[in-house]
Amino acid sequence: MMSLLLSLALAATGSDTAQPAKPAKPKKVCEKIEMSGSNVPKRVCRTVTEQPKPTDEAARSESKPAPTGATN
């Protein structure tokens, strides 16, 4: 009889200690970018909702003037 009361008491207190659900982590997208002058590719990670950032090489190539087509 005593064990029945004890088991009921433990069952009642066990349901109060439920853990709250963890928020879901955002999914990451990683890519390897090969940099000139280096044999080791650089790993760049971002979340799916973030916009991709331009790489340094892409920014440099946009700032260079277009070739005139004249050769020596």
Protein backbone atom coordinates (compact mmCIF):
# COMPACT_ATOMS: atom_id res chain seq x y z
CA MET A 1 0.00 0.00 0.00
CA MET A 2 2.81 2.36 0.91
CA SER A 3 4.65 1.66 -2.35
CA LEU A 4 1.47 2.49 -4.30
CA LEU A 5 1.21 5.89 -2.64
CA LEU A 6 4.90 6.53 -3.17
CA SER A 7 4.74 5.66 -6.87
CA LEU A 8 1.69 7.91 -7.34
CA ALA A 9 3.44 10.77 -5.61
CA LEU A 10 6.55 10.37 -7.79
CA ALA A 11 4.46 10.21 -10.96
CA ALA A 12 2.65 13.42 -10.05
CA THR A 13 5.87 15.35 -9.36
CA GLY A 14 7.68 13.98 -12.43
CA SER A 15 5.31 15.66 -14.92
CA ASP A 16 6.05 19.15 -13.54
CA THR A 17 9.73 19.02 -14.51
CA ALA A 18 9.17 18.96 -18.29
CA GLN A 19 11.90 20.76 -20.24
CA PRO A 20 10.82 23.58 -22.59
CA ALA A 21 11.46 22.94 -26.27
CA LYS A 22 14.64 24.44 -27.71
CA PRO A 23 14.24 26.90 -30.56
CA ALA A 24 15.30 25.52 -33.93
CA LYS A 25 18.73 26.59 -35.15
CA PRO A 26 18.79 28.36 -38.51
CA LYS A 27 20.14 26.26 -41.35
CA LYS A 28 23.63 27.23 -42.50
CA VAL A 29 24.96 27.15 -46.03
CA CYS A 30 28.74 26.89 -46.41
CA GLU A 31 30.83 27.25 -49.54
CA LYS A 32 34.52 27.08 -50.30
CA ILE A 33 36.02 30.07 -52.10
CA GLU A 34 39.39 29.72 -53.77
CA MET A 35 41.46 32.85 -53.25
CA SER A 36 44.18 33.80 -55.70
CA GLY A 37 47.64 33.47 -54.20
CA SER A 38 46.62 30.69 -51.84
CA ASN A 39 46.25 26.94 -52.27
CA VAL A 40 43.93 26.67 -49.27
CA PRO A 41 40.27 27.49 -50.05
CA LYS A 42 38.47 29.80 -47.64
CA ARG A 43 35.25 28.49 -46.08
CA VAL A 44 32.41 31.02 -45.86
CA CYS A 45 29.21 30.15 -43.99
CA ARG A 46 25.93 32.05 -43.76
CA THR A 47 22.35 31.34 -42.83
CA VAL A 48 19.75 30.72 -45.52
CA THR A 49 18.01 34.04 -44.80
CA GLU A 50 21.19 36.14 -45.13
CA GLN A 51 22.14 37.65 -48.46
CA PRO A 52 25.49 36.45 -49.81
CA LYS A 53 28.23 39.00 -49.25
CA PRO A 54 30.47 39.87 -52.18
CA THR A 55 33.96 38.49 -51.88
CA ASP A 56 37.03 40.73 -51.83
CA GLU A 57 38.10 39.49 -55.25
CA ALA A 58 34.69 40.27 -56.74
CA ALA A 59 34.79 43.79 -55.31
CA ARG A 60 38.31 44.30 -56.70
CA SER A 61 37.35 43.08 -60.16
CA GLU A 62 34.39 45.46 -60.29
CA SER A 63 36.56 48.44 -59.39
CA LYS A 64 39.12 47.73 -62.14
CA PRO A 65 38.58 49.57 -65.41
CA ALA A 66 37.65 47.46 -68.41
CA PRO A 67 40.52 46.64 -70.78
CA THR A 68 40.68 48.82 -73.87
CA GLY A 69 41.48 45.94 -76.19
CA ALA A 70 44.79 47.39 -77.37
CA THR A 71 47.75 45.07 -77.06
CA ASN A 72 51.42 45.83 -77.34
